[in-house]
Amino acid sequence: MLPRAPAALGLLLLLLLPPPPPGEATKKPTPCKRCRELVDKFNQGMVDTAKKNFGGGNTAWEEKTLSKYEFSEVRLLEIVEGLCGSSDFECNQLVEEHEEHLEAWWLQLKKKYPDLFEWFCVKTLKVCCSPGTYGPDCLACQGGSERPCSGNGLCSGDGSRQGDGTCQCHLGYQGPLCTDCTAGYFSALRNATHSVCTACDESCKTCTGPTSRDCSQCEAGWAREDGACVDVDECAAETPPCGDTQYCENVSGSFVCEECDPTCVGCTGKGPGHCKECVPGYAKESGQCTDVDECAHAGGICPRRNENCYNTPGSFVCVCPEGFEEAEDACVQTRPPGDEATEENPALPPSREDL
């Protein structure tokens, strides 16, 4: 047994820590995953310690010395001590329990069983299965262990002692062995060992090839015309599909209804240039609905004498000037003419808040 005092001390400290919250128990990795992670770290440790502390000088001496170091307990100790962090309880526990197995593999079995994962996790601890196998007895996945699920899906429990070996097919594939194509896909290749499903054209619900002419059935929003599935322009229907205040935009296989510009009474497209009619206060000018300046009306539009007119979008307001107040049929001056210079300029329009 290799001495590992620092790791043992870390393990003792971890035992004194409170247990994790209940919710974290469900997040624990499977025994197979923990074993695989340990093997990955061990293999990385072998890479990190390869030719360690050697770098030039007497080549013959280095090769002789390095050959001894390559399979030495010294190197094994360096690798093992780098496997787990001091706070990694699960990793430290796994190493403590199976350190003798790792030492035996390193010193006696490494040449006979070069794949540490296969020997340690699959054959010795029996927590994992070889790729392409599943379950307690490491049975072959559907489709065989070489190409589970025909290469078109994932085998449930693949490489672990879990799962039931059924296939979870990739997009476009279905069937027990993932060799059949789903709707919207066609078989581009099919033989004794391989099945390849390729997506149909967007216009096809089912198809035998990649183009719109290969559709067996058109997708919704498409119709057969001259041997191909073409987009139906719903916006050209005799009864418009959108509301009175909307316009229709055709898109592939469907349509969308968009709101008309606020200046429009009905429209055929986006913006004030596509209005059928204009809302009150707007009129067609150069093909667009533009604001009518009611204040420019000849003879004035405000009913009271001395009243100022201010144009607003789609309308207008009539307001008495500063120093005047509303009367029945006129704006009556309430301040002597000489006082105007000390007040705000009455010619300026009122603020937006006042309107």
Protein backbone atom coordinates (compact mmCIF):
# COMPACT_ATOMS: atom_id res chain seq x y z
CA MET A 1 0.00 0.00 0.00
CA LEU A 2 1.35 3.40 -0.96
CA PRO A 3 1.65 6.06 1.79
CA ARG A 4 -0.91 8.86 1.29
CA ALA A 5 -0.94 10.85 4.52
CA PRO A 6 -2.08 14.21 2.99
CA ALA A 7 -5.07 12.59 1.27
CA ALA A 8 -6.03 10.66 4.42
CA LEU A 9 -5.94 13.89 6.43
CA GLY A 10 -8.19 15.58 3.86
CA LEU A 11 -10.57 12.62 4.05
CA LEU A 12 -10.71 12.88 7.86
CA LEU A 13 -11.52 16.59 7.66
CA LEU A 14 -14.28 15.94 5.15
CA LEU A 15 -15.89 13.37 7.43
CA LEU A 16 -16.29 16.11 10.04
CA LEU A 17 -18.14 18.42 7.64
CA PRO A 18 -21.97 18.56 7.71
CA PRO A 19 -23.76 16.51 5.04
CA PRO A 20 -24.86 18.28 1.82
CA PRO A 21 -28.44 19.55 1.45
CA PRO A 22 -31.01 16.84 0.55
CA GLY A 23 -31.47 18.21 -2.99
CA GLU A 24 -27.83 17.64 -3.84
CA ALA A 25 -28.10 13.88 -3.31
CA THR A 26 -29.89 13.53 -6.62
CA LYS A 27 -26.99 15.23 -8.41
CA LYS A 28 -24.42 12.61 -7.39
CA PRO A 29 -22.66 11.06 -10.37
CA THR A 30 -23.15 7.36 -11.08
CA PRO A 31 -20.46 4.91 -9.94
CA CYS A 32 -19.50 4.43 -13.58
CA LYS A 33 -19.05 8.16 -14.13
CA ARG A 34 -16.93 8.49 -10.98
CA CYS A 35 -14.76 5.57 -12.08
CA ARG A 36 -14.37 6.98 -15.60
CA GLU A 37 -13.38 10.39 -14.23
CA LEU A 38 -10.78 8.76 -11.98
CA VAL A 39 -9.31 6.82 -14.91
CA ASP A 40 -9.23 9.99 -17.03
CA LYS A 41 -7.28 11.75 -14.26
CA PHE A 42 -4.93 8.77 -13.94
CA ASN A 43 -4.26 8.77 -17.68
CA GLN A 44 -3.64 12.52 -17.57
CA GLY A 45 -1.24 11.96 -14.67
CA MET A 46 0.67 9.50 -16.83
CA VAL A 47 0.98 12.16 -19.52
CA ASP A 48 2.06 14.80 -17.01
CA THR A 49 4.77 12.60 -15.49
CA ALA A 50 6.15 11.22 -18.75
CA LYS A 51 9.88 12.10 -18.96
CA LYS A 52 9.48 14.25 -15.88
CA ASN A 53 12.69 15.91 -14.64
CA PHE A 54 14.62 14.80 -17.73
CA GLY A 55 15.58 17.25 -20.42
CA GLY A 56 19.02 17.03 -21.98
CA GLY A 57 22.51 15.87 -21.11
CA ASN A 58 23.63 12.24 -21.20
CA THR A 59 21.00 10.65 -23.46
CA ALA A 60 22.05 7.04 -22.80
CA TRP A 61 21.97 7.60 -19.03
CA GLU A 62 18.60 9.35 -19.30
CA GLU A 63 17.05 6.52 -21.32
CA LYS A 64 18.28 3.94 -18.79
CA THR A 65 17.12 5.97 -15.81
CA LEU A 66 13.84 6.98 -17.47
CA SER A 67 13.07 3.34 -18.23
CA LYS A 68 13.29 2.58 -14.51
CA TYR A 69 11.15 5.62 -13.60
CA GLU A 70 8.49 4.78 -16.19
CA PHE A 71 7.21 1.75 -14.22
CA SER A 72 8.39 2.80 -10.76
CA GLU A 73 6.37 3.17 -7.56
CA VAL A 74 7.72 6.71 -7.34
CA ARG A 75 5.92 7.67 -10.53
CA LEU A 76 2.78 5.81 -9.39
CA LEU A 77 2.78 7.76 -6.13
CA GLU A 78 3.09 11.05 -8.02
CA ILE A 79 0.13 10.11 -10.22
CA VAL A 80 -2.08 8.89 -7.36
CA GLU A 81 -1.43 11.94 -5.20
CA GLY A 82 -2.58 14.16 -8.08
CA LEU A 83 -5.85 12.31 -8.65
CA CYS A 84 -8.09 14.07 -6.11
CA GLY A 85 -8.36 17.47 -4.53
CA SER A 86 -8.42 17.56 -0.74
CA SER A 87 -12.12 18.52 -0.76
CA ASP A 88 -13.19 15.87 -3.28
CA PHE A 89 -14.67 13.31 -0.87
CA GLU A 90 -16.03 10.92 -3.52
CA CYS A 91 -12.74 10.78 -5.40
CA ASN A 92 -10.64 10.29 -2.26
CA GLN A 93 -12.98 7.54 -1.05
CA LEU A 94 -12.75 5.70 -4.38
CA VAL A 95 -8.94 5.85 -4.35
CA GLU A 96 -8.76 4.73 -0.71
CA GLU A 97 -10.98 1.73 -1.43
CA HIS A 98 -9.24 0.60 -4.61
CA GLU A 99 -5.66 1.81 -4.33
CA GLU A 100 -4.40 -1.79 -4.22
CA HIS A 101 -6.07 -2.49 -7.56
CA LEU A 102 -4.40 0.54 -9.13
CA GLU A 103 -1.04 -0.50 -7.69
CA ALA A 104 -1.45 -4.09 -8.97
CA TRP A 105 -2.35 -2.85 -12.44
CA TRP A 106 0.60 -0.47 -12.50
CA LEU A 107 3.22 -2.95 -11.28
CA GLN A 108 1.97 -6.25 -12.74
CA LEU A 109 -0.93 -5.99 -15.21
CA LYS A 110 -0.33 -2.84 -17.23
CA LYS A 111 1.25 -4.61 -20.22
CA LYS A 112 -1.38 -7.34 -20.33
CA TYR A 113 -4.30 -4.91 -19.91
CA PRO A 114 -3.19 -1.56 -21.38
CA ASP A 115 -6.73 -0.08 -21.23
CA LEU A 116 -7.08 0.97 -17.58
CA PHE A 117 -10.76 1.85 -17.97
CA GLU A 118 -11.66 -1.56 -19.39
CA TRP A 119 -9.67 -3.44 -16.74
CA PHE A 120 -10.50 -1.27 -13.72
CA CYS A 121 -14.08 0.01 -14.29
CA VAL A 122 -15.50 -2.76 -16.47
CA LYS A 123 -13.73 -6.02 -15.54
CA THR A 124 -12.63 -5.41 -11.93
CA LEU A 125 -15.11 -3.04 -10.24
CA LYS A 126 -17.93 -3.91 -12.64
CA VAL A 127 -19.46 -0.45 -12.43
CA CYS A 128 -19.26 0.25 -16.16
CA CYS A 129 -19.77 -1.64 -19.41
CA SER A 130 -17.75 -1.55 -22.60
CA PRO A 131 -19.02 0.93 -25.23
CA GLY A 132 -22.05 -0.42 -27.06
CA THR A 133 -23.27 -2.50 -24.11
CA TYR A 134 -25.59 -1.74 -21.20
CA GLY A 135 -27.20 -3.00 -17.99
CA PRO A 136 -26.08 -5.24 -15.12
CA ASP A 137 -24.87 -7.94 -17.52
CA CYS A 138 -23.40 -5.59 -20.16
CA LEU A 139 -25.63 -6.86 -22.95
CA ALA A 140 -25.19 -5.56 -26.51
CA CYS A 141 -27.27 -2.49 -27.39
CA GLN A 142 -29.98 -2.66 -30.06
CA GLY A 143 -28.24 -2.89 -33.41
CA GLY A 144 -25.11 -4.44 -31.89
CA SER A 145 -22.23 -3.10 -29.83
CA GLU A 146 -20.22 -1.96 -32.87
CA ARG A 147 -22.88 0.49 -34.15
CA PRO A 148 -25.63 0.83 -31.52
CA CYS A 149 -28.94 2.05 -32.93
CA SER A 150 -27.45 1.85 -36.45
CA GLY A 151 -25.39 4.94 -35.60
CA ASN A 152 -28.56 7.05 -35.70
CA GLY A 153 -29.41 7.22 -32.01
CA LEU A 154 -28.30 6.72 -28.42
CA CYS A 155 -28.51 3.41 -26.59
CA SER A 156 -30.13 3.75 -23.15
CA GLY A 157 -27.42 2.92 -20.59
CA ASP A 158 -24.63 2.67 -23.17
CA GLY A 159 -21.33 2.01 -21.38
CA SER A 160 -22.95 1.75 -17.97
CA ARG A 161 -24.60 -0.90 -15.79
CA GLN A 162 -27.86 0.98 -16.20
CA GLY A 163 -30.56 1.52 -18.86
CA ASP A 164 -32.60 -0.92 -20.90
CA GLY A 165 -30.72 -0.81 -24.20
CA THR A 166 -33.55 0.80 -26.18
CA CYS A 167 -32.70 3.36 -28.84
CA GLN A 168 -33.35 7.07 -28.49
CA CYS A 169 -33.25 8.08 -32.15
CA HIS A 170 -31.72 11.27 -33.53
CA LEU A 171 -33.92 13.83 -35.30
CA GLY A 172 -35.36 12.39 -38.52
CA TYR A 173 -35.07 8.74 -37.45
CA GLN A 174 -37.48 6.31 -35.83
CA GLY A 175 -38.02 2.60 -35.26
CA PRO A 176 -36.45 0.08 -32.86
CA LEU A 177 -33.07 0.37 -34.60
CA CYS A 178 -33.44 4.00 -35.83
CA THR A 179 -33.38 2.87 -39.45
CA ASP A 180 -36.73 4.37 -40.53
CA CYS A 181 -37.34 7.99 -41.49
CA THR A 182 -39.88 10.22 -39.74
CA ALA A 183 -42.37 12.44 -41.60
CA GLY A 184 -40.52 15.30 -43.29
CA TYR A 185 -37.48 13.10 -44.05
CA PHE A 186 -36.71 10.66 -46.87
CA SER A 187 -34.37 7.71 -47.14
CA ALA A 188 -31.24 8.88 -48.98
CA LEU A 189 -29.37 5.63 -48.33
CA ARG A 190 -30.47 2.24 -47.06
CA ASN A 191 -28.50 -1.02 -47.04
CA ALA A 192 -27.75 -3.88 -44.69
CA THR A 193 -25.55 -1.77 -42.41
CA HIS A 194 -26.46 1.89 -42.91
CA SER A 195 -29.56 4.07 -43.08
CA VAL A 196 -29.40 7.79 -43.88
CA CYS A 197 -32.47 10.04 -43.61
CA THR A 198 -32.38 13.53 -45.16
CA ALA A 199 -34.81 16.42 -44.60
CA CYS A 200 -37.48 17.04 -47.24
CA ASP A 201 -37.97 20.43 -48.86
CA GLU A 202 -39.92 22.79 -46.59
CA SER A 203 -42.92 22.52 -48.92
CA CYS A 204 -43.27 18.75 -48.34
CA LYS A 205 -45.07 16.95 -45.55
CA THR A 206 -43.75 13.65 -46.91
CA CYS A 207 -41.37 13.13 -49.80
CA THR A 208 -39.18 10.78 -51.81
CA GLY A 209 -36.40 13.26 -52.57
CA PRO A 210 -34.90 16.65 -51.71
CA THR A 211 -36.87 19.06 -53.99
CA SER A 212 -40.40 20.47 -54.04
CA ARG A 213 -41.14 18.16 -56.98
CA ASP A 214 -40.42 15.12 -54.82
CA CYS A 215 -43.26 15.80 -52.39
CA SER A 216 -45.66 12.91 -51.86
CA GLN A 217 -47.87 15.28 -49.87
CA CYS A 218 -47.67 19.07 -49.61
CA GLU A 219 -47.17 20.74 -46.24
CA ALA A 220 -49.96 22.98 -44.89
CA GLY A 221 -49.82 26.36 -46.63
CA TRP A 222 -48.51 24.81 -49.85
CA ALA A 223 -50.41 23.39 -52.85
CA ARG A 224 -49.46 21.25 -55.85
CA GLU A 225 -49.02 23.21 -59.05
CA ASP A 226 -47.35 21.97 -62.24
CA GLY A 227 -45.97 18.93 -60.44
CA ALA A 228 -44.45 20.82 -57.50
CA CYS A 229 -45.62 22.10 -54.13
CA VAL A 230 -45.76 25.90 -54.26
CA ASP A 231 -46.54 28.45 -51.57
CA VAL A 232 -50.19 29.47 -51.25
CA ASP A 233 -50.58 33.27 -51.16
CA GLU A 234 -53.24 33.54 -48.48
CA CYS A 235 -53.15 37.33 -48.80
CA ALA A 236 -54.55 37.08 -52.35
CA ALA A 237 -57.68 35.26 -51.16
CA GLU A 238 -61.04 36.73 -52.16
CA THR A 239 -61.91 37.18 -48.49
CA PRO A 240 -58.95 38.94 -46.78
CA PRO A 241 -57.65 36.95 -43.79
CA CYS A 242 -56.78 40.07 -41.75
CA GLY A 243 -58.86 42.73 -39.98
CA ASP A 244 -59.91 46.13 -41.34
CA THR A 245 -57.03 47.89 -39.57
CA GLN A 246 -54.41 45.37 -40.70
CA TYR A 247 -52.58 44.39 -43.86
CA CYS A 248 -51.53 40.86 -44.88
CA GLU A 249 -47.96 39.74 -45.53
CA ASN A 250 -47.40 36.39 -47.20
CA VAL A 251 -44.60 34.18 -45.79
CA SER A 252 -43.50 30.67 -46.74
CA GLY A 253 -46.38 28.34 -45.99
CA SER A 254 -48.38 30.93 -44.05
CA PHE A 255 -49.15 34.64 -43.60
CA VAL A 256 -48.97 37.35 -40.92
CA CYS A 257 -51.30 40.26 -40.16
CA GLU A 258 -49.62 43.59 -39.38
CA GLU A 259 -51.22 46.77 -38.06
CA CYS A 260 -51.79 49.64 -40.49
CA ASP A 261 -50.14 53.02 -39.98
CA PRO A 262 -52.13 55.19 -37.52
CA THR A 263 -52.88 57.67 -40.34
CA CYS A 264 -54.71 55.04 -42.40
CA VAL A 265 -58.30 53.92 -42.71
CA GLY A 266 -57.49 50.53 -44.17
CA CYS A 267 -54.21 49.81 -45.92
CA THR A 268 -52.39 47.52 -48.34
CA GLY A 269 -48.94 47.62 -46.73
CA LYS A 270 -46.60 49.22 -44.23
CA GLY A 271 -46.41 52.99 -43.69
CA PRO A 272 -48.52 56.05 -44.61
CA GLY A 273 -47.83 55.50 -48.31
CA HIS A 274 -50.06 52.41 -48.42
CA CYS A 275 -53.25 53.84 -46.92
CA LYS A 276 -56.54 53.16 -48.70
CA GLU A 277 -58.03 56.26 -47.07
CA CYS A 278 -56.76 58.77 -44.52
CA VAL A 279 -58.09 59.34 -41.01
CA PRO A 280 -59.71 62.78 -40.33
CA GLY A 281 -57.05 65.50 -40.14
CA TYR A 282 -54.89 63.83 -42.81
CA ALA A 283 -55.06 63.97 -46.62
CA LYS A 284 -53.30 62.25 -49.51
CA GLU A 285 -50.31 64.25 -50.72
CA SER A 286 -47.80 62.72 -53.13
CA GLY A 287 -49.33 59.34 -52.42
CA GLN A 288 -49.00 59.56 -48.63
CA CYS A 289 -51.37 60.51 -45.83
CA THR A 290 -49.94 63.74 -44.43
CA ASP A 291 -51.16 66.07 -41.71
CA VAL A 292 -53.56 68.82 -42.83
CA ASP A 293 -52.56 72.26 -41.53
CA GLU A 294 -55.98 73.56 -40.57
CA CYS A 295 -54.45 76.81 -39.33
CA ALA A 296 -53.45 77.71 -42.91
CA HIS A 297 -57.12 77.83 -43.91
CA ALA A 298 -57.96 81.06 -45.69
CA GLY A 299 -59.97 83.39 -43.46
CA GLY A 300 -58.94 81.54 -40.28
CA ILE A 301 -60.57 78.61 -38.60
CA CYS A 302 -60.78 79.69 -34.96
CA PRO A 303 -64.23 80.99 -33.95
CA ARG A 304 -63.19 83.80 -31.58
CA ARG A 305 -61.68 87.10 -32.58
CA ASN A 306 -57.98 87.52 -31.64
CA GLU A 307 -57.65 83.76 -31.02
CA ASN A 308 -54.41 82.02 -32.11
CA CYS A 309 -54.50 78.73 -34.07
CA TYR A 310 -51.89 76.01 -33.48
CA ASN A 311 -51.64 72.95 -35.72
CA THR A 312 -51.35 69.51 -34.08
CA PRO A 313 -50.96 66.05 -35.67
CA GLY A 314 -54.34 65.33 -37.25
CA SER A 315 -56.05 68.35 -35.67
CA PHE A 316 -55.58 71.90 -34.30
CA VAL A 317 -56.23 73.98 -31.17
CA CYS A 318 -57.39 77.56 -30.70
CA VAL A 319 -55.92 79.45 -27.73
CA CYS A 320 -56.19 83.06 -26.55
CA PRO A 321 -52.81 84.86 -26.49
CA GLU A 322 -51.05 85.82 -23.24
CA GLY A 323 -52.78 88.81 -21.67
CA PHE A 324 -56.14 87.81 -23.15
CA GLU A 325 -58.98 85.77 -21.75
CA GLU A 326 -61.84 83.93 -23.41
CA ALA A 327 -65.13 85.69 -23.86
CA GLU A 328 -68.22 84.50 -25.67
CA ASP A 329 -67.08 85.44 -29.18
CA ALA A 330 -63.61 86.95 -28.70
CA CYS A 331 -60.36 86.89 -26.76
CA VAL A 332 -60.56 90.02 -24.55
CA GLN A 333 -57.40 91.83 -23.49
CA THR A 334 -56.95 91.87 -19.69
CA ARG A 335 -53.52 93.51 -19.43
CA PRO A 336 -52.50 97.00 -20.58
CA PRO A 337 -50.42 97.00 -23.79
CA GLY A 338 -47.38 98.47 -21.96
CA ASP A 339 -47.10 95.46 -19.64
CA GLU A 340 -46.50 92.97 -22.46
CA ALA A 341 -42.73 93.53 -22.52
CA THR A 342 -42.34 92.31 -18.95
CA GLU A 343 -44.17 89.05 -19.56
CA GLU A 344 -43.42 86.11 -21.81
CA ASN A 345 -43.72 86.85 -25.53
CA PRO A 346 -47.45 86.39 -26.31
CA ALA A 347 -46.57 85.47 -29.91
CA LEU A 348 -44.96 82.20 -28.76
CA PRO A 349 -47.21 79.15 -28.91
CA PRO A 350 -48.31 77.57 -25.62
CA SER A 351 -46.37 74.62 -24.27
CA ARG A 352 -47.44 71.09 -25.22
CA GLU A 353 -48.77 70.60 -21.69
CA ASP A 354 -51.06 73.62 -22.08
CA LEU A 355 -52.49 72.16 -25.28
